[in-house]
């Protein structure tokens, strides 16, 4: 399996049905759910099909890292943890 195929498979795990399209300018972009992923990630269209997959993969990894390390994530998980504890306590003592 080629490197591009591996990238394509990982991208399609998060964006099922994503595929390469060509813009009127002759450049390539990845389309998902009738949207240009380059527009979502604020990227330029690519000169080759391989570059299009690599660009979206890099942007997707950055987005995952930001979502994983976002400061509000710990606050939200703490709040959900407290809500769960309260719900369990209400069931026990309720």
PDB file of N, CA and C in Angstrom:
ATOM      1  N   UNK A   1       0.857  -1.181   0.000  1.00  0.00           N
ATOM      2  CA  UNK A   1       0.000   0.000   0.000  1.00  0.00           C
ATOM      3  C   UNK A   1       0.904   1.246   0.000  1.00  0.00           C
ATOM      4  N   UNK A   2       0.627   2.156  -0.889  1.00  0.00           N
ATOM      5  CA  UNK A   2       1.457   3.353  -0.996  1.00  0.00           C
ATOM      6  C   UNK A   2       1.166   4.329   0.136  1.00  0.00           C
ATOM      7  N   UNK A   3       2.077   5.265   0.305  1.00  0.00           N
ATOM      8  CA  UNK A   3       1.921   6.266   1.355  1.00  0.00           C
ATOM      9  C   UNK A   3       0.671   7.110   1.111  1.00  0.00           C
ATOM     10  N   UNK A   4       0.444   7.483  -0.133  1.00  0.00           N
ATOM     11  CA  UNK A   4      -0.734   8.295  -0.467  1.00  0.00           C
ATOM     12  C   UNK A   4      -2.008   7.517  -0.164  1.00  0.00           C
ATOM     13  N   UNK A   5      -2.021   6.230  -0.458  1.00  0.00           N
ATOM     14  CA  UNK A   5      -3.204   5.413  -0.170  1.00  0.00           C
ATOM     15  C   UNK A   5      -3.465   5.365   1.331  1.00  0.00           C
ATOM     16  N   UNK A   6      -2.401   5.280   2.129  1.00  0.00           N
ATOM     17  CA  UNK A   6      -2.554   5.278   3.590  1.00  0.00           C
ATOM     18  C   UNK A   6      -3.135   6.603   4.069  1.00  0.00           C
ATOM     19  N   UNK A   7      -2.622   7.717   3.520  1.00  0.00           N
ATOM     20  CA  UNK A   7      -3.164   9.033   3.883  1.00  0.00           C
ATOM     21  C   UNK A   7      -4.634   9.133   3.493  1.00  0.00           C
ATOM     22  N   UNK A   8      -4.928   8.682   2.287  1.00  0.00           N
ATOM     23  CA  UNK A   8      -6.300   8.725   1.787  1.00  0.00           C
ATOM     24  C   UNK A   8      -7.231   7.936   2.704  1.00  0.00           C
ATOM     25  N   UNK A   9      -6.786   6.742   3.115  1.00  0.00           N
ATOM     26  CA  UNK A   9      -7.615   5.908   3.998  1.00  0.00           C
ATOM     27  C   UNK A   9      -7.845   6.584   5.345  1.00  0.00           C
ATOM     28  N   UNK A  10      -6.805   7.210   5.904  1.00  0.00           N
ATOM     29  CA  UNK A  10      -6.958   7.885   7.198  1.00  0.00           C
ATOM     30  C   UNK A  10      -7.865   9.099   7.084  1.00  0.00           C
ATOM     31  N   UNK A  11      -7.760   9.833   5.989  1.00  0.00           N
ATOM     32  CA  UNK A  11      -8.636  10.994   5.778  1.00  0.00           C
ATOM     33  C   UNK A  11     -10.075  10.527   5.629  1.00  0.00           C
ATOM     34  N   UNK A  12     -10.275   9.443   4.867  1.00  0.00           N
ATOM     35  CA  UNK A  12     -11.634   8.958   4.647  1.00  0.00           C
ATOM     36  C   UNK A  12     -12.233   8.326   5.895  1.00  0.00           C
ATOM     37  N   UNK A  13     -11.416   8.012   6.881  1.00  0.00           N
ATOM     38  CA  UNK A  13     -11.948   7.535   8.162  1.00  0.00           C
ATOM     39  C   UNK A  13     -12.702   8.677   8.861  1.00  0.00           C
ATOM     40  N   UNK A  14     -12.145   9.894   8.775  1.00  0.00           N
ATOM     41  CA  UNK A  14     -12.779  11.056   9.401  1.00  0.00           C
ATOM     42  C   UNK A  14     -13.772  11.743   8.476  1.00  0.00           C
ATOM     43  N   UNK A  15     -13.509  11.649   7.184  1.00  0.00           N
ATOM     44  CA  UNK A  15     -14.393  12.256   6.187  1.00  0.00           C
ATOM     45  C   UNK A  15     -14.807  11.184   5.184  1.00  0.00           C
ATOM     46  N   UNK A  16     -15.768  10.330   5.560  1.00  0.00           N
ATOM     47  CA  UNK A  16     -16.163   9.227   4.667  1.00  0.00           C
ATOM     48  C   UNK A  16     -16.674   9.750   3.324  1.00  0.00           C
ATOM     49  N   UNK A  17     -16.189   9.142   2.275  1.00  0.00           N
ATOM     50  CA  UNK A  17     -16.622   9.534   0.945  1.00  0.00           C
ATOM     51  C   UNK A  17     -15.854  10.707   0.367  1.00  0.00           C
ATOM     52  N   UNK A  18     -14.801  11.154   1.041  1.00  0.00           N
ATOM     53  CA  UNK A  18     -13.993  12.265   0.518  1.00  0.00           C
ATOM     54  C   UNK A  18     -13.307  11.820  -0.764  1.00  0.00           C
ATOM     55  N   UNK A  19     -13.215  12.730  -1.721  1.00  0.00           N
ATOM     56  CA  UNK A  19     -12.584  12.402  -2.995  1.00  0.00           C
ATOM     57  C   UNK A  19     -11.934  13.646  -3.585  1.00  0.00           C
ATOM     58  N   UNK A  20     -11.068  13.427  -4.585  1.00  0.00           N
ATOM     59  CA  UNK A  20     -10.340  14.519  -5.226  1.00  0.00           C
ATOM     60  C   UNK A  20     -11.206  15.121  -6.324  1.00  0.00           C
ATOM     61  N   UNK A  21     -11.223  16.448  -6.382  1.00  0.00           N
ATOM     62  CA  UNK A  21     -11.900  17.171  -7.465  1.00  0.00           C
ATOM     63  C   UNK A  21     -10.920  18.169  -8.060  1.00  0.00           C
ATOM     64  N   UNK A  22     -11.215  18.573  -9.298  1.00  0.00           N
ATOM     65  CA  UNK A  22     -10.373  19.569  -9.945  1.00  0.00           C
ATOM     66  C   UNK A  22     -11.160  20.863 -10.081  1.00  0.00           C
ATOM     67  N   UNK A  23     -10.531  21.957  -9.671  1.00  0.00           N
ATOM     68  CA  UNK A  23     -11.154  23.279  -9.788  1.00  0.00           C
ATOM     69  C   UNK A  23     -11.043  23.750 -11.240  1.00  0.00           C
ATOM     70  N   UNK A  24     -11.756  24.794 -11.568  1.00  0.00           N
ATOM     71  CA  UNK A  24     -11.712  25.358 -12.912  1.00  0.00           C
ATOM     72  C   UNK A  24     -10.311  25.860 -13.260  1.00  0.00           C
ATOM     73  N   UNK A  25      -9.526  26.189 -12.248  1.00  0.00           N
ATOM     74  CA  UNK A  25      -8.159  26.678 -12.447  1.00  0.00           C
ATOM     75  C   UNK A  25      -7.188  25.549 -12.775  1.00  0.00           C
ATOM     76  N   UNK A  26      -7.651  24.292 -12.694  1.00  0.00           N
ATOM     77  CA  UNK A  26      -6.791  23.152 -12.975  1.00  0.00           C
ATOM     78  C   UNK A  26      -6.077  22.624 -11.748  1.00  0.00           C
ATOM     79  N   UNK A  27      -6.376  23.172 -10.597  1.00  0.00           N
ATOM     80  CA  UNK A  27      -5.762  22.708  -9.345  1.00  0.00           C
ATOM     81  C   UNK A  27      -6.710  21.729  -8.656  1.00  0.00           C
ATOM     82  N   UNK A  28      -6.150  20.938  -7.755  1.00  0.00           N
ATOM     83  CA  UNK A  28      -6.903  19.859  -7.106  1.00  0.00           C
ATOM     84  C   UNK A  28      -7.237  20.198  -5.658  1.00  0.00           C
ATOM     85  N   UNK A  29      -8.369  19.657  -5.198  1.00  0.00           N
ATOM     86  CA  UNK A  29      -8.779  19.800  -3.811  1.00  0.00           C
ATOM     87  C   UNK A  29      -9.563  18.563  -3.407  1.00  0.00           C
ATOM     88  N   UNK A  30      -9.687  18.351  -2.116  1.00  0.00           N
ATOM     89  CA  UNK A  30     -10.446  17.216  -1.584  1.00  0.00           C
ATOM     90  C   UNK A  30     -11.850  17.713  -1.271  1.00  0.00           C
ATOM     91  N   UNK A  31     -12.824  16.984  -1.786  1.00  0.00           N
ATOM     92  CA  UNK A  31     -14.222  17.365  -1.582  1.00  0.00           C
ATOM     93  C   UNK A  31     -14.878  16.361  -0.637  1.00  0.00           C
ATOM     94  N   UNK A  32     -15.636  16.901   0.298  1.00  0.00           N
ATOM     95  CA  UNK A  32     -16.364  16.069   1.253  1.00  0.00           C
ATOM     96  C   UNK A  32     -17.718  16.708   1.502  1.00  0.00           C
ATOM     97  N   UNK A  33     -18.758  15.933   1.333  1.00  0.00           N
ATOM     98  CA  UNK A  33     -20.118  16.406   1.597  1.00  0.00           C
ATOM     99  C   UNK A  33     -20.399  17.710   0.839  1.00  0.00           C
ATOM    100  N   UNK A  34     -20.003  17.709  -0.436  1.00  0.00           N
ATOM    101  CA  UNK A  34     -20.203  18.851  -1.343  1.00  0.00           C
ATOM    102  C   UNK A  34     -19.507  20.123  -0.867  1.00  0.00           C
ATOM    103  N   UNK A  35     -18.444  19.975  -0.081  1.00  0.00           N
ATOM    104  CA  UNK A  35     -17.662  21.121   0.379  1.00  0.00           C
ATOM    105  C   UNK A  35     -16.195  20.884   0.077  1.00  0.00           C
ATOM    106  N   UNK A  36     -15.503  21.951  -0.258  1.00  0.00           N
ATOM    107  CA  UNK A  36     -14.068  21.898  -0.483  1.00  0.00           C
ATOM    108  C   UNK A  36     -13.386  21.944   0.891  1.00  0.00           C
ATOM    109  N   UNK A  37     -12.676  20.888   1.260  1.00  0.00           N
ATOM    110  CA  UNK A  37     -12.013  20.871   2.560  1.00  0.00           C
ATOM    111  C   UNK A  37     -10.948  21.960   2.667  1.00  0.00           C
ATOM    112  N   UNK A  38     -10.385  22.371   1.538  1.00  0.00           N
ATOM    113  CA  UNK A  38      -9.414  23.466   1.579  1.00  0.00           C
ATOM    114  C   UNK A  38     -10.077  24.752   2.052  1.00  0.00           C
ATOM    115  N   UNK A  39     -11.342  24.955   1.708  1.00  0.00           N
ATOM    116  CA  UNK A  39     -12.063  26.139   2.190  1.00  0.00           C
ATOM    117  C   UNK A  39     -12.303  26.055   3.694  1.00  0.00           C
ATOM    118  N   UNK A  40     -12.580  24.867   4.182  1.00  0.00           N
ATOM    119  CA  UNK A  40     -12.807  24.680   5.618  1.00  0.00           C
ATOM    120  C   UNK A  40     -11.534  24.950   6.403  1.00  0.00           C
ATOM    121  N   UNK A  41     -10.400  24.420   5.894  1.00  0.00           N
ATOM    122  CA  UNK A  41      -9.122  24.584   6.583  1.00  0.00           C
ATOM    123  C   UNK A  41      -8.372  25.847   6.141  1.00  0.00           C
ATOM    124  N   UNK A  42      -8.977  26.643   5.268  1.00  0.00           N
ATOM    125  CA  UNK A  42      -8.378  27.885   4.761  1.00  0.00           C
ATOM    126  C   UNK A  42      -7.034  27.631   4.068  1.00  0.00           C
ATOM    127  N   UNK A  43      -7.034  26.690   3.132  1.00  0.00           N
ATOM    128  CA  UNK A  43      -5.836  26.322   2.394  1.00  0.00           C
ATOM    129  C   UNK A  43      -6.012  26.618   0.909  1.00  0.00           C
ATOM    130  N   UNK A  44      -4.881  26.705   0.209  1.00  0.00           N
ATOM    131  CA  UNK A  44      -4.890  26.881  -1.243  1.00  0.00           C
ATOM    132  C   UNK A  44      -5.103  25.518  -1.906  1.00  0.00           C
ATOM    133  N   UNK A  45      -5.655  25.509  -3.115  1.00  0.00           N
ATOM    134  CA  UNK A  45      -5.775  24.267  -3.867  1.00  0.00           C
ATOM    135  C   UNK A  45      -4.377  23.804  -4.273  1.00  0.00           C
ATOM    136  N   UNK A  46      -4.230  22.501  -4.510  1.00  0.00           N
ATOM    137  CA  UNK A  46      -2.919  21.902  -4.774  1.00  0.00           C
ATOM    138  C   UNK A  46      -2.683  21.689  -6.262  1.00  0.00           C
ATOM    139  N   UNK A  47      -1.410  21.607  -6.621  1.00  0.00           N
ATOM    140  CA  UNK A  47      -1.041  21.401  -8.021  1.00  0.00           C
ATOM    141  C   UNK A  47      -1.195  19.954  -8.461  1.00  0.00           C
ATOM    142  N   UNK A  48      -1.039  19.004  -7.534  1.00  0.00           N
ATOM    143  CA  UNK A  48      -1.162  17.587  -7.886  1.00  0.00           C
ATOM    144  C   UNK A  48      -2.154  16.901  -6.948  1.00  0.00           C
ATOM    145  N   UNK A  49      -2.600  15.734  -7.372  1.00  0.00           N
ATOM    146  CA  UNK A  49      -3.547  14.959  -6.558  1.00  0.00           C
ATOM    147  C   UNK A  49      -2.886  14.532  -5.253  1.00  0.00           C
ATOM    148  N   UNK A  50      -1.621  14.083  -5.341  1.00  0.00           N
ATOM    149  CA  UNK A  50      -0.907  13.652  -4.134  1.00  0.00           C
ATOM    150  C   UNK A  50      -0.749  14.803  -3.142  1.00  0.00           C
ATOM    151  N   UNK A  51      -0.433  15.985  -3.649  1.00  0.00           N
ATOM    152  CA  UNK A  51      -0.306  17.158  -2.772  1.00  0.00           C
ATOM    153  C   UNK A  51      -1.628  17.488  -2.098  1.00  0.00           C
ATOM    154  N   UNK A  52      -2.733  17.304  -2.801  1.00  0.00           N
ATOM    155  CA  UNK A  52      -4.049  17.590  -2.221  1.00  0.00           C
ATOM    156  C   UNK A  52      -4.299  16.694  -1.010  1.00  0.00           C
ATOM    157  N   UNK A  53      -4.011  15.381  -1.146  1.00  0.00           N
ATOM    158  CA  UNK A  53      -4.203  14.456  -0.028  1.00  0.00           C
ATOM    159  C   UNK A  53      -3.261  14.786   1.118  1.00  0.00           C
ATOM    160  N   UNK A  54      -1.981  15.093   0.806  1.00  0.00           N
ATOM    161  CA  UNK A  54      -0.998  15.391   1.847  1.00  0.00           C
ATOM    162  C   UNK A  54      -1.344  16.676   2.594  1.00  0.00           C
ATOM    163  N   UNK A  55      -1.826  17.681   1.882  1.00  0.00           N
ATOM    164  CA  UNK A  55      -2.183  18.951   2.506  1.00  0.00           C
ATOM    165  C   UNK A  55      -3.346  18.775   3.479  1.00  0.00           C
ATOM    166  N   UNK A  56      -4.373  18.060   3.053  1.00  0.00           N
ATOM    167  CA  UNK A  56      -5.535  17.844   3.921  1.00  0.00           C
ATOM    168  C   UNK A  56      -5.148  16.983   5.121  1.00  0.00           C
ATOM    169  N   UNK A  57      -4.278  15.996   4.911  1.00  0.00           N
ATOM    170  CA  UNK A  57      -3.850  15.162   6.033  1.00  0.00           C
ATOM    171  C   UNK A  57      -3.120  15.999   7.083  1.00  0.00           C
ATOM    172  N   UNK A  58      -2.225  16.869   6.639  1.00  0.00           N
ATOM    173  CA  UNK A  58      -1.487  17.731   7.574  1.00  0.00           C
ATOM    174  C   UNK A  58      -2.446  18.649   8.331  1.00  0.00           C
ATOM    175  N   UNK A  59      -3.415  19.233   7.625  1.00  0.00           N
ATOM    176  CA  UNK A  59      -4.387  20.118   8.273  1.00  0.00           C
ATOM    177  C   UNK A  59      -5.253  19.342   9.258  1.00  0.00           C
ATOM    178  N   UNK A  60      -5.616  18.121   8.898  1.00  0.00           N
ATOM    179  CA  UNK A  60      -6.438  17.288   9.767  1.00  0.00           C
ATOM    180  C   UNK A  60      -5.681  16.941  11.048  1.00  0.00           C
ATOM    181  N   UNK A  61      -4.382  16.627  10.938  1.00  0.00           N
ATOM    182  CA  UNK A  61      -3.578  16.309  12.116  1.00  0.00           C
ATOM    183  C   UNK A  61      -3.453  17.520  13.042  1.00  0.00           C
ATOM    184  N   UNK A  62      -3.282  18.697  12.466  1.00  0.00           N
ATOM    185  CA  UNK A  62      -3.204  19.921  13.278  1.00  0.00           C
ATOM    186  C   UNK A  62      -4.515  20.148  14.006  1.00  0.00           C
ATOM    187  N   UNK A  63      -5.635  19.965  13.302  1.00  0.00           N
ATOM    188  CA  UNK A  63      -6.945  20.142  13.928  1.00  0.00           C
ATOM    189  C   UNK A  63      -7.136  19.141  15.067  1.00  0.00           C
ATOM    190  N   UNK A  64      -6.709  17.894  14.885  1.00  0.00           N
ATOM    191  CA  UNK A  64      -6.824  16.893  15.946  1.00  0.00           C
ATOM    192  C   UNK A  64      -5.991  17.283  17.163  1.00  0.00           C
ATOM    193  N   UNK A  65      -4.780  17.778  16.921  1.00  0.00           N
ATOM    194  CA  UNK A  65      -3.923  18.195  18.038  1.00  0.00           C
ATOM    195  C   UNK A  65      -4.526  19.367  18.792  1.00  0.00           C
ATOM    196  N   UNK A  66      -5.080  20.312  18.072  1.00  0.00           N
ATOM    197  CA  UNK A  66      -5.715  21.463  18.725  1.00  0.00           C
ATOM    198  C   UNK A  66      -6.911  21.002  19.544  1.00  0.00           C
ATOM    199  N   UNK A  67      -7.730  20.138  18.981  1.00  0.00           N
ATOM    200  CA  UNK A  67      -8.902  19.645  19.715  1.00  0.00           C
ATOM    201  C   UNK A  67      -8.493  18.839  20.944  1.00  0.00           C
ATOM    202  N   UNK A  68      -7.398  18.106  20.837  1.00  0.00           N
ATOM    203  CA  UNK A  68      -6.956  17.269  21.953  1.00  0.00           C
ATOM    204  C   UNK A  68      -6.375  18.106  23.083  1.00  0.00           C
ATOM    205  N   UNK A  69      -5.715  19.215  22.755  1.00  0.00           N
ATOM    206  CA  UNK A  69      -5.016  19.994  23.772  1.00  0.00           C
ATOM    207  C   UNK A  69      -5.703  21.318  24.094  1.00  0.00           C
ATOM    208  N   UNK A  70      -6.912  21.504  23.623  1.00  0.00           N
ATOM    209  CA  UNK A  70      -7.621  22.770  23.852  1.00  0.00           C
ATOM    210  C   UNK A  70      -7.867  22.963  25.351  1.00  0.00           C
ATOM    211  N   UNK A  71      -7.620  24.167  25.882  1.00  0.00           N
ATOM    212  CA  UNK A  71      -7.776  24.393  27.327  1.00  0.00           C
ATOM    213  C   UNK A  71      -9.190  24.175  27.847  1.00  0.00           C
ATOM    214  N   UNK A  72     -10.185  24.410  27.029  1.00  0.00           N
ATOM    215  CA  UNK A  72     -11.559  24.224  27.496  1.00  0.00           C
ATOM    216  C   UNK A  72     -11.933  22.754  27.618  1.00  0.00           C
ATOM    217  N   UNK A  73     -11.177  21.876  26.953  1.00  0.00           N
ATOM    218  CA  UNK A  73     -11.510  20.460  27.003  1.00  0.00           C
ATOM    219  C   UNK A  73     -11.465  19.932  28.425  1.00  0.00           C
ATOM    220  N   UNK A  74     -10.448  20.310  29.186  1.00  0.00           N
ATOM    221  CA  UNK A  74     -10.361  19.823  30.566  1.00  0.00           C
ATOM    222  C   UNK A  74     -11.481  20.389  31.422  1.00  0.00           C
ATOM    223  N   UNK A  75     -11.865  21.644  31.170  1.00  0.00           N
ATOM    224  CA  UNK A  75     -12.963  22.233  31.936  1.00  0.00           C
ATOM    225  C   UNK A  75     -14.277  21.526  31.615  1.00  0.00           C
ATOM    226  N   UNK A  76     -14.489  21.210  30.348  1.00  0.00           N
ATOM    227  CA  UNK A  76     -15.724  20.540  29.947  1.00  0.00           C
ATOM    228  C   UNK A  76     -15.763  19.131  30.524  1.00  0.00           C
ATOM    229  N   UNK A  77     -14.627  18.417  30.469  1.00  0.00           N
ATOM    230  CA  UNK A  77     -14.620  17.056  31.001  1.00  0.00           C
ATOM    231  C   UNK A  77     -14.807  17.058  32.522  1.00  0.00           C
ATOM    232  N   UNK A  78     -14.267  18.053  33.217  1.00  0.00           N
ATOM    233  CA  UNK A  78     -14.480  18.158  34.667  1.00  0.00           C
ATOM    234  C   UNK A  78     -15.951  18.406  34.976  1.00  0.00           C
ATOM    235  N   UNK A  79     -16.589  19.264  34.179  1.00  0.00           N
ATOM    236  CA  UNK A  79     -18.003  19.557  34.384  1.00  0.00           C
ATOM    237  C   UNK A  79     -18.835  18.297  34.152  1.00  0.00           C
ATOM    238  N   UNK A  80     -18.549  17.564  33.104  1.00  0.00           N
ATOM    239  CA  UNK A  80     -19.291  16.333  32.830  1.00  0.00           C
ATOM    240  C   UNK A  80     -19.047  15.306  33.928  1.00  0.00           C
ATOM    241  N   UNK A  81     -17.835  15.264  34.449  1.00  0.00           N
ATOM    242  CA  UNK A  81     -17.515  14.336  35.534  1.00  0.00           C
ATOM    243  C   UNK A  81     -18.353  14.659  36.770  1.00  0.00           C
ATOM    244  N   UNK A  82     -18.460  15.964  37.101  1.00  0.00           N
ATOM    245  CA  UNK A  82     -19.278  16.367  38.258  1.00  0.00           C
ATOM    246  C   UNK A  82     -20.755  16.043  38.035  1.00  0.00           C
ATOM    247  N   UNK A  83     -21.241  16.288  36.817  1.00  0.00           N
ATOM    248  CA  UNK A  83     -22.644  15.989  36.518  1.00  0.00           C
ATOM    249  C   UNK A  83     -22.918  14.502  36.671  1.00  0.00           C
ATOM    250  N   UNK A  84     -21.990  13.673  36.193  1.00  0.00           N
ATOM    251  CA  UNK A  84     -22.156  12.225  36.317  1.00  0.00           C
ATOM    252  C   UNK A  84     -22.159  11.807  37.778  1.00  0.00           C
ATOM    253  N   UNK A  85     -21.268  12.375  38.574  1.00  0.00           N
ATOM    254  CA  UNK A  85     -21.220  12.040  39.992  1.00  0.00           C
ATOM    255  C   UNK A  85     -22.515  12.443  40.689  1.00  0.00           C
ATOM    256  N   UNK A  86     -23.046  13.613  40.337  1.00  0.00           N
ATOM    257  CA  UNK A  86     -24.306  14.061  40.931  1.00  0.00           C
ATOM    258  C   UNK A  86     -25.446  13.129  40.537  1.00  0.00           C
ATOM    259  N   UNK A  87     -25.474  12.718  39.283  1.00  0.00           N
ATOM    260  CA  UNK A  87     -26.538  11.830  38.797  1.00  0.00           C
ATOM    261  C   UNK A  87     -26.464  10.485  39.528  1.00  0.00           C
ATOM    262  N   UNK A  88     -25.256   9.965  39.702  1.00  0.00           N
ATOM    263  CA  UNK A  88     -25.098   8.687  40.413  1.00  0.00           C
ATOM    264  C   UNK A  88     -25.508   8.840  41.872  1.00  0.00           C
ATOM    265  N   UNK A  89     -25.093   9.957  42.488  1.00  0.00           N
ATOM    266  CA  UNK A  89     -25.461  10.193  43.889  1.00  0.00           C
ATOM    267  C   UNK A  89     -26.971  10.307  44.041  1.00  0.00           C
ATOM    268  N   UNK A  90     -27.639  10.945  43.105  1.00  0.00           N
ATOM    269  CA  UNK A  90     -29.097  11.074  43.151  1.00  0.00           C
ATOM    270  C   UNK A  90     -29.766   9.715  43.006  1.00  0.00           C
ATOM    271  N   UNK A  91     -29.208   8.836  42.208  1.00  0.00           N
ATOM    272  CA  UNK A  91     -29.779   7.497  42.051  1.00  0.00           C
ATOM    273  C   UNK A  91     -29.630   6.693  43.341  1.00  0.00           C
ATOM    274  N   UNK A  92     -28.481   6.837  43.981  1.00  0.00           N
ATOM    275  CA  UNK A  92     -28.218   6.076  45.194  1.00  0.00           C
ATOM    276  C   UNK A  92     -29.050   6.608  46.366  1.00  0.00           C
ATOM    277  N   UNK A  93     -29.046   7.952  46.525  1.00  0.00           N
ATOM    278  CA  UNK A  93     -29.703   8.550  47.677  1.00  0.00           C
ATOM    279  C   UNK A  93     -31.102   9.045  47.350  1.00  0.00           C
ATOM    280  N   UNK A  94     -31.442   9.049  46.076  1.00  0.00           N
ATOM    281  CA  UNK A  94     -32.640   9.619  45.555  1.00  0.00           C
ATOM    282  C   UNK A  94     -33.913   9.225  46.082  1.00  0.00           C
TER     283      UNK A  94
END
